């Protein structure tokens, strides 16, 4: 039987801010960090969710670890230093693992280096091919924290973060670690923005999921890291579900079978019925294909009675970090100091698409009257990789 697994601390950084208090305050107030910029976008401005806070100085890091992705990771990771070091002291460095999700790694550094090579015929001295290795993030965090347990990256596009969290849970349940740093990190680069633009998925205005006026997605960047252990804390990882329907390279299965399977597996593992859920953070990208699929799945499982919202209008779609930062939003809302149970409002223009089935979208200022007891976060990625996690306040499901 699986042990109870708890999320003791969260480090967060996104377009809303670089500390938990700022991020939660702005999120619950319905603010957005998505603004038009030519950064990463070329000559024509695009609305992007860029982290504007100063990133950690990487000058003294080994060259292989010097990337925006790792700087963003440490902006969030430094917030966990004290509890991680306590876990190392208690269990030993070899019993603390790192399983995290990403998709871009150090591609931005390769863009700069290859540009320099094209102009001058040589790669710059500050560039190392290891910067773009997909596993760099996990090895960097192990280097910074001083852990010696298993350390690896899970990469399945926009489902990377929650799938990494599921893998962390399995590692703990298998007895191969006593604590795991898990979550997801993804940084902006020109390659990502150009790629999604080429697919015709990027909006030139702020994204409006579930709206009749939707125009597509906004790209963003974020980092969200958790310390997961078996020791009790306020919020636990109650369940997770995964599926891979492989319907299409980029489009979701219109029937929603894979998404439905991931959600029902997560709820079953947590031992909760849909009506037990206080809040759902939806994937809600703002594309017609995702809205249609997700709206149908949400209505089939939750009807129009469970509060739900999409928060990508506040942060941009953070790709490999999207599921992790959105799970962090659930975690932040579930803490004791959110006594009135304020919920993240749905980011859109308020013009409902009449072709979608009704879903109860959270209004600005909406509260439960108590911290959410059970929350769900969903992620649906390219290639049909689907994931959902269920969080519960300790004792809520006793």
Protein backbone atom coordinates (compact mmCIF):
# COMPACT_ATOMS: atom_id res chain seq x y z
CA UNK A 1 0.00 0.00 0.00
CA UNK A 2 1.28 3.50 -0.86
CA UNK A 3 2.41 5.73 2.00
CA UNK A 4 0.95 9.20 2.46
CA UNK A 5 3.15 11.70 0.66
CA UNK A 6 3.35 15.37 1.63
CA UNK A 7 4.47 18.56 -0.09
CA UNK A 8 6.36 20.41 2.64
CA UNK A 9 7.49 23.54 0.86
CA UNK A 10 7.22 25.17 -2.54
CA UNK A 11 9.59 27.49 -4.37
CA UNK A 12 7.96 29.47 -7.17
CA UNK A 13 8.94 31.97 -9.83
CA UNK A 14 6.88 33.09 -12.82
CA UNK A 15 5.72 36.24 -14.57
CA UNK A 16 3.70 37.12 -11.46
CA UNK A 17 6.78 37.29 -9.22
CA UNK A 18 9.69 35.42 -7.69
CA UNK A 19 8.40 34.54 -4.22
CA UNK A 20 5.35 32.69 -2.97
CA UNK A 21 3.72 35.64 -1.20
CA UNK A 22 3.90 37.94 -4.24
CA UNK A 23 2.78 35.24 -6.66
CA UNK A 24 -0.24 34.27 -4.56
CA UNK A 25 -1.29 37.86 -3.89
CA UNK A 26 -1.20 38.80 -7.57
CA UNK A 27 -2.75 35.50 -8.70
CA UNK A 28 -5.74 35.73 -6.35
CA UNK A 29 -6.22 39.40 -7.26
CA UNK A 30 -6.61 38.41 -10.91
CA UNK A 31 -3.48 40.26 -12.05
CA UNK A 32 -1.37 39.19 -15.01
CA UNK A 33 2.35 39.17 -15.69
CA UNK A 34 1.81 38.63 -19.43
CA UNK A 35 2.84 41.75 -21.36
CA UNK A 36 3.73 42.56 -24.99
CA UNK A 37 7.47 42.34 -25.64
CA UNK A 38 9.96 41.78 -28.43
CA UNK A 39 12.13 39.69 -26.07
CA UNK A 40 12.41 36.20 -27.61
CA UNK A 41 9.83 37.25 -30.23
CA UNK A 42 11.74 39.16 -32.91
CA UNK A 43 10.60 42.47 -34.40
CA UNK A 44 6.85 42.13 -33.76
CA UNK A 45 5.85 42.27 -30.07
CA UNK A 46 4.02 39.30 -28.60
CA UNK A 47 2.38 38.94 -25.17
CA UNK A 48 4.74 36.70 -23.18
CA UNK A 49 5.02 35.71 -19.55
CA UNK A 50 8.63 36.75 -18.86
CA UNK A 51 10.20 36.55 -15.40
CA UNK A 52 11.45 40.11 -14.90
CA UNK A 53 13.14 39.71 -11.50
CA UNK A 54 16.94 39.56 -11.48
CA UNK A 55 18.12 35.99 -11.99
CA UNK A 56 20.85 34.47 -9.80
CA UNK A 57 24.43 35.21 -10.85
CA UNK A 58 25.79 32.13 -12.64
CA UNK A 59 29.37 33.44 -12.99
CA UNK A 60 30.82 31.06 -10.40
CA UNK A 61 28.89 27.99 -11.56
CA UNK A 62 30.58 25.35 -13.74
CA UNK A 63 30.19 26.37 -17.38
CA UNK A 64 27.98 23.37 -18.11
CA UNK A 65 25.36 24.72 -15.69
CA UNK A 66 25.27 28.32 -16.92
CA UNK A 67 21.86 28.65 -18.54
CA UNK A 68 18.75 30.78 -18.11
CA UNK A 69 16.86 27.58 -17.35
CA UNK A 70 19.12 26.80 -14.38
CA UNK A 71 19.10 30.42 -13.21
CA UNK A 72 15.32 30.33 -13.21
CA UNK A 73 15.44 27.01 -11.37
CA UNK A 74 17.61 28.50 -8.64
CA UNK A 75 15.36 31.54 -8.31
CA UNK A 76 12.74 29.05 -7.09
CA UNK A 77 15.14 26.46 -5.69
CA UNK A 78 16.83 28.85 -3.26
CA UNK A 79 13.45 29.18 -1.53
CA UNK A 80 13.75 25.50 -0.54
CA UNK A 81 17.34 25.56 0.70
CA UNK A 82 16.54 25.39 4.42
CA UNK A 83 14.05 22.47 4.26
CA UNK A 84 16.21 20.57 1.76
CA UNK A 85 19.29 20.91 3.97
CA UNK A 86 17.22 19.74 6.94
CA UNK A 87 16.17 16.69 4.91
CA UNK A 88 19.81 15.99 4.02
CA UNK A 89 20.82 16.26 7.66
CA UNK A 90 18.01 13.93 8.71
CA UNK A 91 18.21 11.29 5.99
CA UNK A 92 21.65 11.67 4.39
CA UNK A 93 22.48 13.16 1.00
CA UNK A 94 22.17 9.78 -0.75
CA UNK A 95 18.55 9.46 0.37
CA UNK A 96 17.44 12.80 -1.12
CA UNK A 97 16.50 12.57 -4.81
CA UNK A 98 15.69 15.05 -7.57
CA UNK A 99 13.08 14.35 -10.27
CA UNK A 100 12.05 17.40 -12.27
CA UNK A 101 10.45 18.24 -15.59
CA UNK A 102 11.62 20.56 -18.38
CA UNK A 103 11.53 20.87 -22.14
CA UNK A 104 13.85 23.70 -23.21
CA UNK A 105 16.86 23.18 -20.94
CA UNK A 106 19.65 25.44 -22.32
CA UNK A 107 18.43 25.94 -25.88
CA UNK A 108 18.60 29.72 -25.43
CA UNK A 109 22.34 29.51 -24.78
CA UNK A 110 22.77 27.42 -27.92
CA UNK A 111 20.92 30.07 -29.93
CA UNK A 112 23.37 32.73 -28.77
CA UNK A 113 26.39 30.47 -29.32
CA UNK A 114 25.38 29.40 -32.82
CA UNK A 115 24.72 33.03 -33.74
CA UNK A 116 28.25 33.89 -32.63
CA UNK A 117 29.60 30.95 -34.64
CA UNK A 118 27.75 32.12 -37.75
CA UNK A 119 29.20 35.60 -37.39
CA UNK A 120 32.76 34.75 -36.37
CA UNK A 121 33.32 31.08 -37.12
CA UNK A 122 33.81 29.97 -33.51
CA UNK A 123 31.70 29.10 -30.50
CA UNK A 124 32.15 31.48 -27.54
CA UNK A 125 34.32 30.36 -24.64
CA UNK A 126 31.41 30.61 -22.20
CA UNK A 127 29.40 27.99 -24.13
CA UNK A 128 29.32 24.27 -23.43
CA UNK A 129 27.10 21.81 -25.29
CA UNK A 130 26.18 20.34 -21.89
CA UNK A 131 24.18 23.52 -21.23
CA UNK A 132 21.45 22.27 -23.55
CA UNK A 133 21.38 18.66 -22.29
CA UNK A 134 17.89 17.79 -21.11
CA UNK A 135 19.27 16.35 -17.86
CA UNK A 136 21.17 19.51 -16.93
CA UNK A 137 18.40 20.78 -14.65
CA UNK A 138 18.47 17.77 -12.31
CA UNK A 139 22.26 17.63 -12.14
CA UNK A 140 22.43 21.37 -11.51
CA UNK A 141 20.01 21.15 -8.58
CA UNK A 142 21.97 18.22 -7.14
CA UNK A 143 25.11 20.34 -7.43
CA UNK A 144 23.49 23.32 -5.69
CA UNK A 145 21.81 21.35 -2.90
CA UNK A 146 24.56 18.78 -2.40
CA UNK A 147 22.28 15.77 -2.82
CA UNK A 148 23.58 12.35 -3.92
CA UNK A 149 20.36 10.42 -4.51
CA UNK A 150 18.84 9.65 -7.92
CA UNK A 151 18.67 12.77 -10.09
CA UNK A 152 16.99 12.88 -13.47
CA UNK A 153 14.66 14.86 -15.73
CA UNK A 154 11.30 13.83 -17.11
CA UNK A 155 10.45 15.53 -20.39
CA UNK A 156 7.02 15.10 -21.95
CA UNK A 157 6.24 18.64 -23.12
CA UNK A 158 3.50 20.37 -21.12
CA UNK A 159 2.90 17.34 -18.85
CA UNK A 160 6.53 17.20 -17.69
CA UNK A 161 6.01 18.71 -14.23
CA UNK A 162 3.14 16.54 -12.96
CA UNK A 163 4.68 13.43 -14.51
CA UNK A 164 7.90 14.21 -12.64
CA UNK A 165 5.85 14.51 -9.45
CA UNK A 166 4.24 11.13 -10.12
CA UNK A 167 7.69 9.61 -10.65
CA UNK A 168 8.85 11.19 -7.36
CA UNK A 169 5.90 9.59 -5.58
CA UNK A 170 6.77 6.19 -7.01
CA UNK A 171 10.38 6.58 -5.91
CA UNK A 172 9.29 7.34 -2.34
CA UNK A 173 6.78 4.48 -2.32
CA UNK A 174 9.49 2.11 -3.55
CA UNK A 175 11.68 3.07 -0.61
CA UNK A 176 14.48 4.33 -2.87
CA UNK A 177 14.50 7.80 -1.30
CA UNK A 178 13.24 9.54 1.83
CA UNK A 179 12.80 12.98 0.26
CA UNK A 180 12.49 14.20 -3.33
CA UNK A 181 12.83 17.68 -4.83
CA UNK A 182 10.32 17.65 -7.68
CA UNK A 183 8.36 19.95 -9.98
CA UNK A 184 9.23 21.67 -13.22
CA UNK A 185 11.24 24.49 -14.79
CA UNK A 186 11.11 25.94 -18.30
CA UNK A 187 12.62 29.14 -19.63
CA UNK A 188 11.76 31.24 -22.65
CA UNK A 189 13.87 31.20 -25.78
CA UNK A 190 13.37 32.30 -29.39
CA UNK A 191 13.19 28.69 -30.60
CA UNK A 192 10.11 27.98 -28.46
CA UNK A 193 8.26 31.14 -29.45
CA UNK A 194 9.04 30.66 -33.14
CA UNK A 195 8.00 27.02 -33.04
CA UNK A 196 4.59 27.66 -31.51
CA UNK A 197 4.10 30.64 -33.83
CA UNK A 198 4.81 28.42 -36.83
CA UNK A 199 2.06 26.06 -35.66
CA UNK A 200 -0.39 28.96 -35.71
CA UNK A 201 -1.12 28.56 -31.99
CA UNK A 202 0.16 31.89 -30.60
CA UNK A 203 -2.20 34.75 -29.81
CA UNK A 204 -1.25 38.35 -30.47
CA UNK A 205 -3.44 39.39 -27.52
CA UNK A 206 -3.74 38.04 -23.99
CA UNK A 207 -5.12 34.51 -24.08
CA UNK A 208 -8.83 34.01 -23.34
CA UNK A 209 -9.53 30.29 -22.82
CA UNK A 210 -13.17 29.15 -23.09
CA UNK A 211 -14.06 32.46 -24.78
CA UNK A 212 -15.81 32.87 -28.10
CA UNK A 213 -13.03 35.39 -28.86
CA UNK A 214 -10.10 33.05 -28.19
CA UNK A 215 -7.01 33.65 -30.30
CA UNK A 216 -4.57 31.01 -29.04
CA UNK A 217 -1.89 30.74 -26.39
CA UNK A 218 0.64 33.04 -24.76
CA UNK A 219 4.04 31.47 -24.06
CA UNK A 220 5.69 32.00 -20.68
CA UNK A 221 8.36 30.69 -18.36
CA UNK A 222 8.25 29.49 -14.77
CA UNK A 223 9.82 27.37 -12.06
CA UNK A 224 7.98 25.50 -9.32
CA UNK A 225 9.77 23.08 -7.02
CA UNK A 226 8.44 21.08 -4.07
CA UNK A 227 10.02 19.05 -1.28
CA UNK A 228 8.06 15.80 -1.10
CA UNK A 229 8.43 13.39 1.84
CA UNK A 230 6.42 10.91 3.90
CA UNK A 231 6.46 13.25 6.92
CA UNK A 232 3.15 15.05 7.63
CA UNK A 233 2.54 18.58 6.37
CA UNK A 234 -0.49 20.73 5.56
CA UNK A 235 -0.93 19.46 1.99
CA UNK A 236 -0.35 15.99 0.62
CA UNK A 237 -0.15 14.54 -2.85
CA UNK A 238 -3.29 12.43 -2.60
CA UNK A 239 -3.39 11.07 -6.13
CA UNK A 240 -2.04 11.23 -9.63
CA UNK A 241 -3.05 9.83 -12.99
CA UNK A 242 -1.30 9.55 -16.34
CA UNK A 243 -2.20 8.45 -19.84
CA UNK A 244 -0.69 8.57 -23.32
CA UNK A 245 -3.28 8.49 -26.06
CA UNK A 246 -0.88 9.35 -28.90
CA UNK A 247 -3.72 10.88 -30.93
CA UNK A 248 -1.66 13.49 -32.79
CA UNK A 249 1.72 15.20 -32.65
CA UNK A 250 0.25 18.46 -31.34
CA UNK A 251 -3.57 18.27 -31.24
CA UNK A 252 -5.50 16.61 -28.38
CA UNK A 253 -7.84 13.70 -28.98
CA UNK A 254 -11.20 15.45 -29.58
CA UNK A 255 -12.99 12.73 -27.62
CA UNK A 256 -10.94 13.54 -24.51
CA UNK A 257 -10.47 9.84 -23.71
CA UNK A 258 -6.85 10.24 -22.62
CA UNK A 259 -7.55 13.32 -20.53
CA UNK A 260 -10.56 11.61 -18.93
CA UNK A 261 -8.47 8.52 -18.15
CA UNK A 262 -5.75 10.57 -16.42
CA UNK A 263 -8.29 12.51 -14.34
CA UNK A 264 -10.30 9.48 -13.27
CA UNK A 265 -7.12 7.60 -12.35
CA UNK A 266 -5.96 10.52 -10.19
CA UNK A 267 -9.32 10.76 -8.43
CA UNK A 268 -9.46 7.00 -7.88
CA UNK A 269 -5.95 6.89 -6.44
CA UNK A 270 -6.90 9.73 -4.07
CA UNK A 271 -10.15 7.97 -3.15
CA UNK A 272 -12.32 11.00 -3.95
CA UNK A 273 -15.40 11.54 -6.07
CA UNK A 274 -15.64 14.56 -8.38
CA UNK A 275 -18.09 16.27 -6.01
CA UNK A 276 -15.46 16.10 -3.23
CA UNK A 277 -13.20 18.48 -5.20
CA UNK A 278 -13.18 22.14 -4.13
CA UNK A 279 -11.25 23.53 -7.11
CA UNK A 280 -9.75 22.46 -10.45
CA UNK A 281 -6.89 24.29 -12.14
CA UNK A 282 -7.45 23.48 -15.80
CA UNK A 283 -4.90 23.21 -18.59
CA UNK A 284 -6.93 25.88 -20.45
CA UNK A 285 -4.52 26.95 -23.20
CA UNK A 286 -6.96 29.07 -25.17
CA UNK A 287 -6.82 27.06 -28.39
CA UNK A 288 -10.08 25.87 -29.92
CA UNK A 289 -8.95 22.24 -29.90
CA UNK A 290 -7.99 22.23 -26.22
CA UNK A 291 -11.02 24.23 -25.07
CA UNK A 292 -13.42 21.89 -26.88
CA UNK A 293 -11.80 18.72 -25.53
CA UNK A 294 -11.22 19.98 -22.00
CA UNK A 295 -14.63 21.60 -21.69
CA UNK A 296 -16.31 18.30 -22.55
CA UNK A 297 -14.18 16.33 -20.08
CA UNK A 298 -14.69 18.87 -17.30
CA UNK A 299 -18.45 18.90 -17.81
CA UNK A 300 -18.64 15.09 -17.95
CA UNK A 301 -16.76 14.70 -14.65
CA UNK A 302 -17.62 17.82 -12.66
CA UNK A 303 -20.73 19.23 -14.33
CA UNK A 304 -21.07 22.95 -13.64
CA UNK A 305 -20.82 22.69 -9.86
CA UNK A 306 -17.08 22.54 -9.11
CA UNK A 307 -15.13 25.84 -9.31
CA UNK A 308 -12.49 25.74 -12.04
CA UNK A 309 -10.13 28.17 -13.69
CA UNK A 310 -7.33 28.47 -16.17
CA UNK A 311 -4.44 30.66 -15.03
CA UNK A 312 -2.28 30.87 -18.14
CA UNK A 313 -3.53 34.40 -18.82
CA UNK A 314 -1.61 35.34 -15.67
CA UNK A 315 1.65 33.53 -16.41
CA UNK A 316 1.72 32.47 -20.02
CA UNK A 317 1.91 28.80 -20.93
CA UNK A 318 5.12 27.70 -19.20
CA UNK A 319 5.33 24.44 -21.18
CA UNK A 320 7.41 21.92 -19.19
CA UNK A 321 6.81 23.96 -16.03
CA UNK A 322 3.11 24.68 -16.63
CA UNK A 323 1.73 21.75 -14.65
CA UNK A 324 4.16 22.34 -11.80
CA UNK A 325 3.42 26.07 -11.40
CA UNK A 326 -0.31 25.41 -11.61
CA UNK A 327 -0.03 22.69 -8.97
CA UNK A 328 1.85 25.24 -6.89
CA UNK A 329 -1.10 27.63 -7.30
CA UNK A 330 -3.33 24.93 -5.80
CA UNK A 331 -0.81 24.35 -2.98
CA UNK A 332 -0.64 28.08 -2.20
CA UNK A 333 -4.42 28.37 -2.06
CA UNK A 334 -4.63 25.41 0.36
CA UNK A 335 -2.40 26.90 3.05
CA UNK A 336 -3.81 27.93 6.43
CA UNK A 337 -3.16 31.62 5.80
CA UNK A 338 -5.67 31.61 2.94
CA UNK A 339 -8.35 31.44 5.62
CA UNK A 340 -11.21 32.65 3.41
CA UNK A 341 -10.36 30.18 0.67
CA UNK A 342 -9.79 32.69 -2.12
CA UNK A 343 -9.53 30.92 -5.49
CA UNK A 344 -7.50 31.82 -8.60
CA UNK A 345 -9.94 33.53 -10.99
CA UNK A 346 -10.33 32.32 -14.55
CA UNK A 347 -8.30 34.50 -16.91
CA UNK A 348 -10.43 35.52 -19.88
CA UNK A 349 -12.65 38.25 -21.34
CA UNK A 350 -15.93 36.88 -19.95
CA UNK A 351 -17.48 36.14 -23.36
CA UNK A 352 -18.46 32.48 -23.09
CA UNK A 353 -18.25 30.23 -26.15
CA UNK A 354 -21.82 28.94 -26.61
CA UNK A 355 -20.49 25.80 -28.30
CA UNK A 356 -18.82 24.62 -25.08
CA UNK A 357 -20.69 22.78 -22.32
CA UNK A 358 -21.08 24.76 -19.09
CA UNK A 359 -18.17 24.75 -16.61
CA UNK A 360 -18.22 26.78 -13.38
CA UNK A 361 -15.45 29.27 -14.05
CA UNK A 362 -14.10 31.07 -10.97
CA UNK A 363 -15.03 34.75 -10.80
CA UNK A 364 -12.67 37.44 -9.51
CA UNK A 365 -12.89 37.61 -5.72
CA UNK A 366 -14.65 34.25 -5.36
CA UNK A 367 -13.98 32.44 -2.05
CA UNK A 368 -14.96 29.14 -0.45
CA UNK A 369 -15.03 30.41 3.15
CA UNK A 370 -12.22 28.01 4.07
CA UNK A 371 -8.95 26.85 2.48
CA UNK A 372 -9.65 24.38 -0.34
CA UNK A 373 -9.60 20.85 1.06
CA UNK A 374 -9.18 18.97 -2.24
CA UNK A 375 -7.83 20.42 -5.48
CA UNK A 376 -6.97 19.05 -8.91
CA UNK A 377 -4.50 20.27 -11.53
CA UNK A 378 -4.59 18.99 -15.12
CA UNK A 379 -2.00 18.97 -17.91
CA UNK A 380 -2.51 17.83 -21.50
CA UNK A 381 0.58 17.80 -23.70
CA UNK A 382 1.75 17.32 -27.28
CA UNK A 383 1.78 13.70 -28.35
CA UNK A 384 -1.18 12.84 -26.15
CA UNK A 385 0.73 12.90 -22.85
CA UNK A 386 -1.87 13.59 -20.15
CA UNK A 387 -1.46 14.01 -16.40
CA UNK A 388 -3.53 15.07 -13.40
CA UNK A 389 -2.66 15.45 -9.72
CA UNK A 390 -4.93 15.63 -6.70
CA UNK A 391 -3.84 17.55 -3.61
CA UNK A 392 -5.60 17.28 -0.24
CA UNK A 393 -5.24 19.04 3.06
CA UNK A 394 -4.04 16.58 5.68
CA UNK A 395 -7.06 14.93 7.24
CA UNK A 396 -9.50 16.11 4.58
CA UNK A 397 -10.04 12.61 3.22
CA UNK A 398 -9.84 10.70 6.53
